[in-house]
Amino acid sequence: MRAFVFPGQGAQTIGMGRELAMAYPAARDVFDEVDAALGESLSALIWDGDADTLTLTQNAQPALMATSIAAFRAMEAEGINIMDANFVAGHSLGEYSALCAAGSLTLSDTARLLRLRGQAMQEAVPVGIGAMAAILGLDFETVDRIAREIGGDEVVQAANDNDPGQVVISGHKGAVERAAEAMKAAGAKRAVMLPVSAPFHSVLMQPAAAAMADALAGVDIQPPAVPLIANVRAEAVIEPGAIRRLLVEQVTGTVRWRESIANMAGAGVTEFWEIGAGKALSGMIRRTAKDVTVKNVGVPADVAALKG
């Protein structure tokens, strides 16, 4: 069994997807359609722009999705389609890429939703108020317990359960810093403050969740061609109403990636294909599920290798 998985924010690099667009007309069409949907040349920023501008949440989110779908369209051009997977999943914004690949959302709607999502997440909390930190070497249950104990009048919560040794916490800056110190005292190998401008996947993102609820209410969502393993449930979902609700919950909820991978492996998945920019998910998958094969699909050579 096989799962197609799609990366989230942090994987962006200037130039991503350019080789795919040059090699595959269908990949180039993806960038053209995203440009048209947004009313600007996002592709010019992706390929020749400024890295800091690309990293802005409102740009990085649709840009990473476009690159993932371009890679997926290149796969389709080589005869590999969505029915060659048993599940799809994506890390945070990657969930939108997964739904687009599975035919649940149109490409244009996905681009517009992610532009809005990025803007709403950035605007939900003033810069400097929130923070995130990666906790290395503690399990999720320990991180979650300490976060709950530390918070007090401020917010700090487990935001991303990435793999057995990496959990990201998110919330008010002071609470995140206190929790990080407490987690180091409890045995964490490292606690690394992340270079992000907002406390993603915390309850402080509630204004962004409300904005996404309004936006998603006006978008057509079809049942995906194969089941989506949803971030906040770590289980399969195909019903459009449930997908809509979970995409809203995802803004403030924990990305349960470790559980998602473990559950797919437990269901019989032996191959995970990371489709899009970077290889961040591949390491998480290997640390979570033993004896599985992980492939990366981000450049034309990767696509060609799939046919072997």
C-alpha atoms as a PDB file:
ATOM      1  CA  MET A   1       0.000   0.000   0.000  1.00  0.00           C
ATOM      2  CA  ARG A   2       1.088   3.547  -0.692  1.00  0.00           C
ATOM      3  CA  ALA A   3       0.433   7.049   0.646  1.00  0.00           C
ATOM      4  CA  PHE A   4       1.067  10.382  -1.075  1.00  0.00           C
ATOM      5  CA  VAL A   5       2.081  13.027   1.470  1.00  0.00           C
ATOM      6  CA  PHE A   6       2.565  16.765   0.993  1.00  0.00           C
ATOM      7  CA  PRO A   7       4.916  19.124   2.870  1.00  0.00           C
ATOM      8  CA  GLY A   8       4.094  22.164   4.938  1.00  0.00           C
ATOM      9  CA  GLN A   9       5.631  25.546   5.637  1.00  0.00           C
ATOM     10  CA  GLY A  10       9.394  25.726   5.994  1.00  0.00           C
ATOM     11  CA  ALA A  11      10.173  23.681   2.883  1.00  0.00           C
ATOM     12  CA  GLN A  12      10.072  26.707   0.567  1.00  0.00           C
ATOM     13  CA  THR A  13      13.156  27.675  -1.468  1.00  0.00           C
ATOM     14  CA  ILE A  14      13.690  30.100  -4.321  1.00  0.00           C
ATOM     15  CA  GLY A  15      13.601  28.149  -7.591  1.00  0.00           C
ATOM     16  CA  MET A  16      11.427  25.282  -6.411  1.00  0.00           C
ATOM     17  CA  GLY A  17       9.296  23.794  -9.163  1.00  0.00           C
ATOM     18  CA  ARG A  18      11.129  25.579 -11.989  1.00  0.00           C
ATOM     19  CA  GLU A  19      12.654  22.399 -13.428  1.00  0.00           C
ATOM     20  CA  LEU A  20       9.267  20.676 -13.301  1.00  0.00           C
ATOM     21  CA  ALA A  21       7.652  23.574 -15.167  1.00  0.00           C
ATOM     22  CA  MET A  22      10.368  23.460 -17.830  1.00  0.00           C
ATOM     23  CA  ALA A  23      10.111  19.691 -18.282  1.00  0.00           C
ATOM     24  CA  TYR A  24       6.342  19.197 -18.087  1.00  0.00           C
ATOM     25  CA  PRO A  25       3.711  21.474 -19.682  1.00  0.00           C
ATOM     26  CA  ALA A  26       1.159  20.195 -17.171  1.00  0.00           C
ATOM     27  CA  ALA A  27       3.393  21.405 -14.327  1.00  0.00           C
ATOM     28  CA  ARG A  28       3.808  24.803 -15.982  1.00  0.00           C
ATOM     29  CA  ASP A  29       0.018  25.008 -16.282  1.00  0.00           C
ATOM     30  CA  VAL A  30      -0.269  24.664 -12.500  1.00  0.00           C
ATOM     31  CA  PHE A  31       1.815  27.768 -11.882  1.00  0.00           C
ATOM     32  CA  ASP A  32      -0.078  29.682 -14.578  1.00  0.00           C
ATOM     33  CA  GLU A  33      -3.426  28.780 -13.010  1.00  0.00           C
ATOM     34  CA  VAL A  34      -2.251  29.752  -9.522  1.00  0.00           C
ATOM     35  CA  ASP A  35      -0.972  33.082 -10.868  1.00  0.00           C
ATOM     36  CA  ALA A  36      -4.357  33.712 -12.479  1.00  0.00           C
ATOM     37  CA  ALA A  37      -6.284  32.726  -9.348  1.00  0.00           C
ATOM     38  CA  LEU A  38      -4.262  35.129  -7.200  1.00  0.00           C
ATOM     39  CA  GLY A  39      -4.131  37.913  -9.757  1.00  0.00           C
ATOM     40  CA  GLU A  40      -0.347  38.171  -9.539  1.00  0.00           C
ATOM     41  CA  SER A  41       2.779  36.352 -10.689  1.00  0.00           C
ATOM     42  CA  LEU A  42       3.498  34.183  -7.688  1.00  0.00           C
ATOM     43  CA  SER A  43       5.628  32.013  -9.979  1.00  0.00           C
ATOM     44  CA  ALA A  44       8.005  34.949 -10.579  1.00  0.00           C
ATOM     45  CA  LEU A  45       8.469  35.263  -6.818  1.00  0.00           C
ATOM     46  CA  ILE A  46       9.001  31.508  -6.441  1.00  0.00           C
ATOM     47  CA  TRP A  47      11.613  31.270  -9.169  1.00  0.00           C
ATOM     48  CA  ASP A  48      13.396  34.611  -9.153  1.00  0.00           C
ATOM     49  CA  GLY A  49      12.220  36.520  -6.103  1.00  0.00           C
ATOM     50  CA  ASP A  50      13.476  37.389  -2.651  1.00  0.00           C
ATOM     51  CA  ALA A  51      13.681  34.567  -0.108  1.00  0.00           C
ATOM     52  CA  ASP A  52      12.317  36.697   2.732  1.00  0.00           C
ATOM     53  CA  THR A  53       9.299  37.674   0.634  1.00  0.00           C
ATOM     54  CA  LEU A  54       8.663  34.053  -0.337  1.00  0.00           C
ATOM     55  CA  THR A  55       8.865  33.064   3.330  1.00  0.00           C
ATOM     56  CA  LEU A  56       5.988  35.394   4.254  1.00  0.00           C
ATOM     57  CA  THR A  57       3.168  33.081   5.274  1.00  0.00           C
ATOM     58  CA  GLN A  58       0.724  34.482   2.723  1.00  0.00           C
ATOM     59  CA  ASN A  59       3.206  33.653  -0.070  1.00  0.00           C
ATOM     60  CA  ALA A  60       4.800  30.468   1.224  1.00  0.00           C
ATOM     61  CA  GLN A  61       1.520  28.627   1.652  1.00  0.00           C
ATOM     62  CA  PRO A  62       0.169  28.912  -1.926  1.00  0.00           C
ATOM     63  CA  ALA A  63       3.717  28.624  -3.314  1.00  0.00           C
ATOM     64  CA  LEU A  64       4.386  25.301  -1.613  1.00  0.00           C
ATOM     65  CA  MET A  65       1.004  23.988  -2.699  1.00  0.00           C
ATOM     66  CA  ALA A  66       1.673  25.021  -6.321  1.00  0.00           C
ATOM     67  CA  THR A  67       5.014  23.221  -6.265  1.00  0.00           C
ATOM     68  CA  SER A  68       3.454  20.070  -4.834  1.00  0.00           C
ATOM     69  CA  ILE A  69       0.656  20.013  -7.393  1.00  0.00           C
ATOM     70  CA  ALA A  70       3.134  20.707 -10.204  1.00  0.00           C
ATOM     71  CA  ALA A  71       5.072  17.625  -9.104  1.00  0.00           C
ATOM     72  CA  PHE A  72       1.854  15.657  -8.926  1.00  0.00           C
ATOM     73  CA  ARG A  73       0.840  16.746 -12.459  1.00  0.00           C
ATOM     74  CA  ALA A  74       4.265  15.636 -13.684  1.00  0.00           C
ATOM     75  CA  MET A  75       3.604  12.248 -12.114  1.00  0.00           C
ATOM     76  CA  GLU A  76       0.273  12.094 -13.918  1.00  0.00           C
ATOM     77  CA  ALA A  77       2.013  12.907 -17.216  1.00  0.00           C
ATOM     78  CA  GLU A  78       4.121   9.806 -16.633  1.00  0.00           C
ATOM     79  CA  GLY A  79       1.072   7.626 -16.000  1.00  0.00           C
ATOM     80  CA  ILE A  80       0.953   7.730 -12.191  1.00  0.00           C
ATOM     81  CA  ASN A  81      -2.317   9.030 -10.769  1.00  0.00           C
ATOM     82  CA  ILE A  82      -4.170   9.463  -7.510  1.00  0.00           C
ATOM     83  CA  MET A  83      -5.561   5.942  -7.645  1.00  0.00           C
ATOM     84  CA  ASP A  84      -2.000   4.647  -7.265  1.00  0.00           C
ATOM     85  CA  ALA A  85      -2.279   5.777  -3.640  1.00  0.00           C
ATOM     86  CA  ASN A  86      -4.382   4.336  -0.835  1.00  0.00           C
ATOM     87  CA  PHE A  87      -4.280   7.496   1.292  1.00  0.00           C
ATOM     88  CA  VAL A  88      -3.277  11.140   1.030  1.00  0.00           C
ATOM     89  CA  ALA A  89      -2.099  13.382   3.856  1.00  0.00           C
ATOM     90  CA  GLY A  90      -0.360  16.713   4.260  1.00  0.00           C
ATOM     91  CA  HIS A  91       1.425  18.538   7.058  1.00  0.00           C
ATOM     92  CA  SER A  92      -0.607  21.641   7.998  1.00  0.00           C
ATOM     93  CA  LEU A  93      -0.970  23.605   4.719  1.00  0.00           C
ATOM     94  CA  GLY A  94       0.011  20.372   2.950  1.00  0.00           C
ATOM     95  CA  GLU A  95      -3.441  19.059   3.812  1.00  0.00           C
ATOM     96  CA  TYR A  96      -4.804  21.489   1.216  1.00  0.00           C
ATOM     97  CA  SER A  97      -2.307  20.159  -1.353  1.00  0.00           C
ATOM     98  CA  ALA A  98      -3.447  16.625  -0.547  1.00  0.00           C
ATOM     99  CA  LEU A  99      -7.093  17.559  -1.040  1.00  0.00           C
ATOM    100  CA  CYS A 100      -6.308  19.293  -4.333  1.00  0.00           C
ATOM    101  CA  ALA A 101      -4.383  16.261  -5.617  1.00  0.00           C
ATOM    102  CA  ALA A 102      -7.274  13.994  -4.607  1.00  0.00           C
ATOM    103  CA  GLY A 103      -9.806  16.129  -6.504  1.00  0.00           C
ATOM    104  CA  SER A 104     -11.569  17.419  -3.406  1.00  0.00           C
ATOM    105  CA  LEU A 105     -10.649  21.073  -4.042  1.00  0.00           C
ATOM    106  CA  THR A 106      -9.978  22.794  -7.367  1.00  0.00           C
ATOM    107  CA  LEU A 107      -6.510  24.230  -7.866  1.00  0.00           C
ATOM    108  CA  SER A 108      -7.806  27.802  -8.107  1.00  0.00           C
ATOM    109  CA  ASP A 109      -9.871  27.476  -4.926  1.00  0.00           C
ATOM    110  CA  THR A 110      -6.912  25.906  -3.119  1.00  0.00           C
ATOM    111  CA  ALA A 111      -4.629  28.795  -4.090  1.00  0.00           C
ATOM    112  CA  ARG A 112      -7.118  31.410  -2.938  1.00  0.00           C
ATOM    113  CA  LEU A 113      -7.844  29.580   0.310  1.00  0.00           C
ATOM    114  CA  LEU A 114      -4.163  29.315   1.152  1.00  0.00           C
ATOM    115  CA  ARG A 115      -3.512  32.969   0.359  1.00  0.00           C
ATOM    116  CA  LEU A 116      -6.329  33.884   2.754  1.00  0.00           C
ATOM    117  CA  ARG A 117      -5.160  31.331   5.333  1.00  0.00           C
ATOM    118  CA  GLY A 118      -1.663  32.761   5.275  1.00  0.00           C
ATOM    119  CA  GLN A 119      -2.911  36.321   5.642  1.00  0.00           C
ATOM    120  CA  ALA A 120      -5.365  35.429   8.395  1.00  0.00           C
ATOM    121  CA  MET A 121      -2.784  33.440  10.374  1.00  0.00           C
ATOM    122  CA  GLN A 122      -0.271  36.289  10.145  1.00  0.00           C
ATOM    123  CA  GLU A 123      -2.816  38.899  11.222  1.00  0.00           C
ATOM    124  CA  ALA A 124      -4.349  36.882  14.068  1.00  0.00           C
ATOM    125  CA  VAL A 125      -1.610  37.819  16.564  1.00  0.00           C
ATOM    126  CA  PRO A 126       0.598  40.948  16.513  1.00  0.00           C
ATOM    127  CA  VAL A 127       4.248  40.284  15.679  1.00  0.00           C
ATOM    128  CA  GLY A 128       6.288  39.716  18.837  1.00  0.00           C
ATOM    129  CA  ILE A 129       3.408  38.424  20.960  1.00  0.00           C
ATOM    130  CA  GLY A 130       3.598  34.762  19.964  1.00  0.00           C
ATOM    131  CA  ALA A 131       6.344  32.202  19.438  1.00  0.00           C
ATOM    132  CA  MET A 132       6.995  28.559  18.633  1.00  0.00           C
ATOM    133  CA  ALA A 133       9.727  26.182  19.762  1.00  0.00           C
ATOM    134  CA  ALA A 134      10.802  22.707  18.688  1.00  0.00           C
ATOM    135  CA  ILE A 135      11.311  20.315  21.598  1.00  0.00           C
ATOM    136  CA  LEU A 136      13.699  17.489  20.754  1.00  0.00           C
ATOM    137  CA  GLY A 137      13.985  14.278  22.722  1.00  0.00           C
ATOM    138  CA  LEU A 138      10.707  14.240  24.658  1.00  0.00           C
ATOM    139  CA  ASP A 139       7.559  12.326  23.759  1.00  0.00           C
ATOM    140  CA  PHE A 140       4.287  14.060  22.985  1.00  0.00           C
ATOM    141  CA  GLU A 141       2.577  13.109  26.229  1.00  0.00           C
ATOM    142  CA  THR A 142       5.358  14.682  28.325  1.00  0.00           C
ATOM    143  CA  VAL A 143       5.454  17.858  26.238  1.00  0.00           C
ATOM    144  CA  ASP A 144       1.673  18.162  26.325  1.00  0.00           C
ATOM    145  CA  ARG A 145       1.568  17.700  30.120  1.00  0.00           C
ATOM    146  CA  ILE A 146       4.269  20.289  30.816  1.00  0.00           C
ATOM    147  CA  ALA A 147       2.658  22.779  28.435  1.00  0.00           C
ATOM    148  CA  ARG A 148      -0.637  22.441  30.267  1.00  0.00           C
ATOM    149  CA  GLU A 149       1.094  22.927  33.640  1.00  0.00           C
ATOM    150  CA  ILE A 150       3.131  25.954  32.556  1.00  0.00           C
ATOM    151  CA  GLY A 151       0.521  27.996  30.716  1.00  0.00           C
ATOM    152  CA  GLY A 152      -1.266  29.791  33.539  1.00  0.00           C
ATOM    153  CA  ASP A 153      -2.864  32.980  32.228  1.00  0.00           C
ATOM    154  CA  GLU A 154      -0.970  32.637  28.952  1.00  0.00           C
ATOM    155  CA  VAL A 155      -1.304  30.115  26.137  1.00  0.00           C
ATOM    156  CA  VAL A 156       1.234  27.411  25.369  1.00  0.00           C
ATOM    157  CA  GLN A 157       0.247  24.133  23.739  1.00  0.00           C
ATOM    158  CA  ALA A 158       1.610  21.246  21.741  1.00  0.00           C
ATOM    159  CA  ALA A 159       1.161  22.378  18.133  1.00  0.00           C
ATOM    160  CA  ASN A 160       2.896  19.757  15.982  1.00  0.00           C
ATOM    161  CA  ASP A 161       3.447  16.140  17.032  1.00  0.00           C
ATOM    162  CA  ASN A 162       5.968  15.501  14.270  1.00  0.00           C
ATOM    163  CA  ASP A 163       7.710  12.252  15.221  1.00  0.00           C
ATOM    164  CA  PRO A 164       8.655  10.289  18.353  1.00  0.00           C
ATOM    165  CA  GLY A 165      11.413  12.764  19.264  1.00  0.00           C
ATOM    166  CA  GLN A 166      10.147  16.102  17.950  1.00  0.00           C
ATOM    167  CA  VAL A 167       7.185  18.114  19.207  1.00  0.00           C
ATOM    168  CA  VAL A 168       6.607  21.801  18.466  1.00  0.00           C
ATOM    169  CA  ILE A 169       4.983  24.056  21.055  1.00  0.00           C
ATOM    170  CA  SER A 170       3.178  27.296  20.295  1.00  0.00           C
ATOM    171  CA  GLY A 171       1.590  30.207  22.160  1.00  0.00           C
ATOM    172  CA  HIS A 172       2.471  33.428  23.967  1.00  0.00           C
ATOM    173  CA  LYS A 173       6.203  34.116  23.738  1.00  0.00           C
ATOM    174  CA  GLY A 174       6.830  34.185  27.478  1.00  0.00           C
ATOM    175  CA  ALA A 175       4.899  30.979  28.098  1.00  0.00           C
ATOM    176  CA  VAL A 176       6.692  29.203  25.253  1.00  0.00           C
ATOM    177  CA  GLU A 177      10.064  30.254  26.675  1.00  0.00           C
ATOM    178  CA  ARG A 178       9.130  29.078  30.181  1.00  0.00           C
ATOM    179  CA  ALA A 179       7.786  25.790  28.851  1.00  0.00           C
ATOM    180  CA  ALA A 180      10.937  25.240  26.784  1.00  0.00           C
ATOM    181  CA  GLU A 181      13.105  25.652  29.905  1.00  0.00           C
ATOM    182  CA  ALA A 182      10.870  23.296  31.885  1.00  0.00           C
ATOM    183  CA  MET A 183      11.073  20.720  29.119  1.00  0.00           C
ATOM    184  CA  LYS A 184      14.862  20.887  29.055  1.00  0.00           C
ATOM    185  CA  ALA A 185      14.821  20.334  32.813  1.00  0.00           C
ATOM    186  CA  ALA A 186      12.555  17.326  32.223  1.00  0.00           C
ATOM    187  CA  GLY A 187      15.082  15.746  29.869  1.00  0.00           C
ATOM    188  CA  ALA A 188      14.628  17.308  26.437  1.00  0.00           C
ATOM    189  CA  LYS A 189      17.851  17.174  24.436  1.00  0.00           C
ATOM    190  CA  ARG A 190      17.216  20.597  22.949  1.00  0.00           C
ATOM    191  CA  ALA A 191      14.570  23.311  22.840  1.00  0.00           C
ATOM    192  CA  VAL A 192      14.933  25.479  19.743  1.00  0.00           C
ATOM    193  CA  MET A 193      12.995  28.705  19.262  1.00  0.00           C
ATOM    194  CA  LEU A 194      11.703  28.757  15.679  1.00  0.00           C
ATOM    195  CA  PRO A 195      12.043  31.708  13.285  1.00  0.00           C
ATOM    196  CA  VAL A 196       8.308  32.189  12.797  1.00  0.00           C
ATOM    197  CA  SER A 197       6.249  35.338  13.117  1.00  0.00           C
ATOM    198  CA  ALA A 198       3.083  33.869  14.634  1.00  0.00           C
ATOM    199  CA  PRO A 199       2.037  31.080  17.055  1.00  0.00           C
ATOM    200  CA  PHE A 200       0.556  28.662  14.527  1.00  0.00           C
ATOM    201  CA  HIS A 201      -1.691  25.785  15.623  1.00  0.00           C
ATOM    202  CA  SER A 202      -2.563  27.365  18.962  1.00  0.00           C
ATOM    203  CA  VAL A 203      -5.819  28.785  20.256  1.00  0.00           C
ATOM    204  CA  LEU A 204      -4.361  32.245  19.609  1.00  0.00           C
ATOM    205  CA  MET A 205      -5.139  31.528  15.942  1.00  0.00           C
ATOM    206  CA  GLN A 206      -8.891  31.592  16.601  1.00  0.00           C
ATOM    207  CA  PRO A 207      -9.419  34.757  14.474  1.00  0.00           C
ATOM    208  CA  ALA A 208      -7.809  32.921  11.557  1.00  0.00           C
ATOM    209  CA  ALA A 209     -10.009  29.871  12.174  1.00  0.00           C
ATOM    210  CA  ALA A 210     -13.077  32.108  11.985  1.00  0.00           C
ATOM    211  CA  ALA A 211     -11.848  33.606   8.712  1.00  0.00           C
ATOM    212  CA  MET A 212     -11.282  30.147   7.263  1.00  0.00           C
ATOM    213  CA  ALA A 213     -14.728  28.979   8.384  1.00  0.00           C
ATOM    214  CA  ASP A 214     -16.263  31.839   6.409  1.00  0.00           C
ATOM    215  CA  ALA A 215     -14.096  31.182   3.344  1.00  0.00           C
ATOM    216  CA  LEU A 216     -14.605  27.424   3.333  1.00  0.00           C
ATOM    217  CA  ALA A 217     -18.373  27.841   3.632  1.00  0.00           C
ATOM    218  CA  GLY A 218     -18.385  29.299   0.134  1.00  0.00           C
ATOM    219  CA  VAL A 219     -16.157  26.687  -1.511  1.00  0.00           C
ATOM    220  CA  ASP A 220     -17.256  23.446  -3.155  1.00  0.00           C
ATOM    221  CA  ILE A 221     -15.597  20.421  -1.561  1.00  0.00           C
ATOM    222  CA  GLN A 222     -15.919  17.039  -3.262  1.00  0.00           C
ATOM    223  CA  PRO A 223     -15.212  13.640  -1.680  1.00  0.00           C
ATOM    224  CA  PRO A 224     -11.505  12.903  -2.255  1.00  0.00           C
ATOM    225  CA  ALA A 225     -10.701  10.103  -4.688  1.00  0.00           C
ATOM    226  CA  VAL A 226      -8.820   8.336  -1.867  1.00  0.00           C
ATOM    227  CA  PRO A 227      -9.221   8.916   1.884  1.00  0.00           C
ATOM    228  CA  LEU A 228      -7.514  11.875   3.543  1.00  0.00           C
ATOM    229  CA  ILE A 229      -5.761  11.243   6.842  1.00  0.00           C
ATOM    230  CA  ALA A 230      -6.721  14.472   8.590  1.00  0.00           C
ATOM    231  CA  ASN A 231      -4.197  16.337  10.759  1.00  0.00           C
ATOM    232  CA  VAL A 232      -6.420  16.892  13.771  1.00  0.00           C
ATOM    233  CA  ARG A 233      -7.917  13.392  13.843  1.00  0.00           C
ATOM    234  CA  ALA A 234      -5.038  11.261  12.490  1.00  0.00           C
ATOM    235  CA  GLU A 235      -7.683   9.104  10.826  1.00  0.00           C
ATOM    236  CA  ALA A 236      -9.324   8.736   7.434  1.00  0.00           C
ATOM    237  CA  VAL A 237     -12.045  11.101   6.285  1.00  0.00           C
ATOM    238  CA  ILE A 238     -13.882  11.362   2.966  1.00  0.00           C
ATOM    239  CA  GLU A 239     -17.117  13.211   3.766  1.00  0.00           C
ATOM    240  CA  PRO A 240     -17.001  16.829   2.496  1.00  0.00           C
ATOM    241  CA  GLY A 241     -18.753  18.292   5.540  1.00  0.00           C
ATOM    242  CA  ALA A 242     -16.261  16.636   7.856  1.00  0.00           C
ATOM    243  CA  ILE A 243     -13.346  17.839   5.727  1.00  0.00           C
ATOM    244  CA  ARG A 244     -14.668  21.399   5.915  1.00  0.00           C
ATOM    245  CA  ARG A 245     -14.935  21.257   9.716  1.00  0.00           C
ATOM    246  CA  LEU A 246     -11.513  19.687  10.153  1.00  0.00           C
ATOM    247  CA  LEU A 247      -9.818  22.299   7.972  1.00  0.00           C
ATOM    248  CA  VAL A 248     -11.183  24.936  10.351  1.00  0.00           C
ATOM    249  CA  GLU A 249     -10.183  22.968  13.458  1.00  0.00           C
ATOM    250  CA  GLN A 250      -6.710  22.496  12.009  1.00  0.00           C
ATOM    251  CA  VAL A 251      -5.896  26.221  12.335  1.00  0.00           C
ATOM    252  CA  THR A 252      -5.947  26.085  16.146  1.00  0.00           C
ATOM    253  CA  GLY A 253      -5.485  22.335  16.679  1.00  0.00           C
ATOM    254  CA  THR A 254      -2.510  20.016  16.946  1.00  0.00           C
ATOM    255  CA  VAL A 255      -1.022  18.579  13.755  1.00  0.00           C
ATOM    256  CA  ARG A 256      -0.989  14.892  14.719  1.00  0.00           C
ATOM    257  CA  TRP A 257       1.579  13.865  12.133  1.00  0.00           C
ATOM    258  CA  ARG A 258       3.277  11.093  14.126  1.00  0.00           C
ATOM    259  CA  GLU A 259      -0.048   9.403  14.746  1.00  0.00           C
ATOM    260  CA  SER A 260      -1.104   9.914  11.129  1.00  0.00           C
ATOM    261  CA  ILE A 261       2.005   8.139   9.838  1.00  0.00           C
ATOM    262  CA  ALA A 262       1.760   5.384  12.450  1.00  0.00           C
ATOM    263  CA  ASN A 263      -1.897   4.796  11.627  1.00  0.00           C
ATOM    264  CA  MET A 264      -1.215   4.573   7.882  1.00  0.00           C
ATOM    265  CA  ALA A 265       1.658   2.168   8.496  1.00  0.00           C
ATOM    266  CA  GLY A 266      -0.596   0.164  10.793  1.00  0.00           C
ATOM    267  CA  ALA A 267      -3.177  -0.013   8.013  1.00  0.00           C
ATOM    268  CA  GLY A 268      -0.611  -1.585   5.713  1.00  0.00           C
ATOM    269  CA  VAL A 269       1.110   1.365   4.005  1.00  0.00           C
ATOM    270  CA  THR A 270       4.685   0.409   3.150  1.00  0.00           C
ATOM    271  CA  GLU A 271       5.539   3.280   0.754  1.00  0.00           C
ATOM    272  CA  PHE A 272       5.306   7.012   1.452  1.00  0.00           C
ATOM    273  CA  TRP A 273       5.900   9.445  -1.421  1.00  0.00           C
ATOM    274  CA  GLU A 274       6.679  13.013  -0.326  1.00  0.00           C
ATOM    275  CA  ILE A 275       5.470  15.183  -3.197  1.00  0.00           C
ATOM    276  CA  GLY A 276       6.779  18.730  -3.493  1.00  0.00           C
ATOM    277  CA  ALA A 277       9.615  20.829  -2.089  1.00  0.00           C
ATOM    278  CA  GLY A 278      12.170  19.562   0.400  1.00  0.00           C
ATOM    279  CA  LYS A 279      12.520  16.352   2.369  1.00  0.00           C
ATOM    280  CA  ALA A 280      11.367  17.404   5.842  1.00  0.00           C
ATOM    281  CA  LEU A 281       8.539  14.874   6.035  1.00  0.00           C
ATOM    282  CA  SER A 282      10.762  11.983   4.973  1.00  0.00           C
ATOM    283  CA  GLY A 283      12.863  12.156   8.128  1.00  0.00           C
ATOM    284  CA  MET A 284       9.769  12.351  10.312  1.00  0.00           C
ATOM    285  CA  ILE A 285       8.287   9.331   8.549  1.00  0.00           C
ATOM    286  CA  ARG A 286      11.447   7.233   8.918  1.00  0.00           C
ATOM    287  CA  ARG A 287      11.675   8.046  12.629  1.00  0.00           C
ATOM    288  CA  THR A 288       8.022   7.106  13.123  1.00  0.00           C
ATOM    289  CA  ALA A 289       7.483   4.014  10.958  1.00  0.00           C
ATOM    290  CA  LYS A 290      10.183   1.401  10.631  1.00  0.00           C
ATOM    291  CA  ASP A 291      10.551  -0.808   7.567  1.00  0.00           C
ATOM    292  CA  VAL A 292       8.806   1.584   5.182  1.00  0.00           C
ATOM    293  CA  THR A 293      10.094   3.036   1.926  1.00  0.00           C
ATOM    294  CA  VAL A 294      10.140   6.809   1.494  1.00  0.00           C
ATOM    295  CA  LYS A 295      10.493   8.480  -1.905  1.00  0.00           C
ATOM    296  CA  ASN A 296      10.796  12.182  -2.711  1.00  0.00           C
ATOM    297  CA  VAL A 297       9.180  13.709  -5.789  1.00  0.00           C
ATOM    298  CA  GLY A 298      10.348  17.279  -6.295  1.00  0.00           C
ATOM    299  CA  VAL A 299      12.322  17.458  -9.549  1.00  0.00           C
ATOM    300  CA  PRO A 300      12.018  15.776 -12.973  1.00  0.00           C
ATOM    301  CA  ALA A 301      14.665  13.153 -12.109  1.00  0.00           C
ATOM    302  CA  ASP A 302      12.553  12.064  -9.154  1.00  0.00           C
ATOM    303  CA  VAL A 303       9.530  11.663 -11.405  1.00  0.00           C
ATOM    304  CA  ALA A 304      11.535   9.630 -13.904  1.00  0.00           C
ATOM    305  CA  ALA A 305      12.801   7.386 -11.111  1.00  0.00           C
ATOM    306  CA  LEU A 306       9.251   6.451 -10.143  1.00  0.00           C
ATOM    307  CA  LYS A 307       8.859   4.586 -13.409  1.00  0.00           C
ATOM    308  CA  GLY A 308      11.735   2.267 -12.627  1.00  0.00           C
END
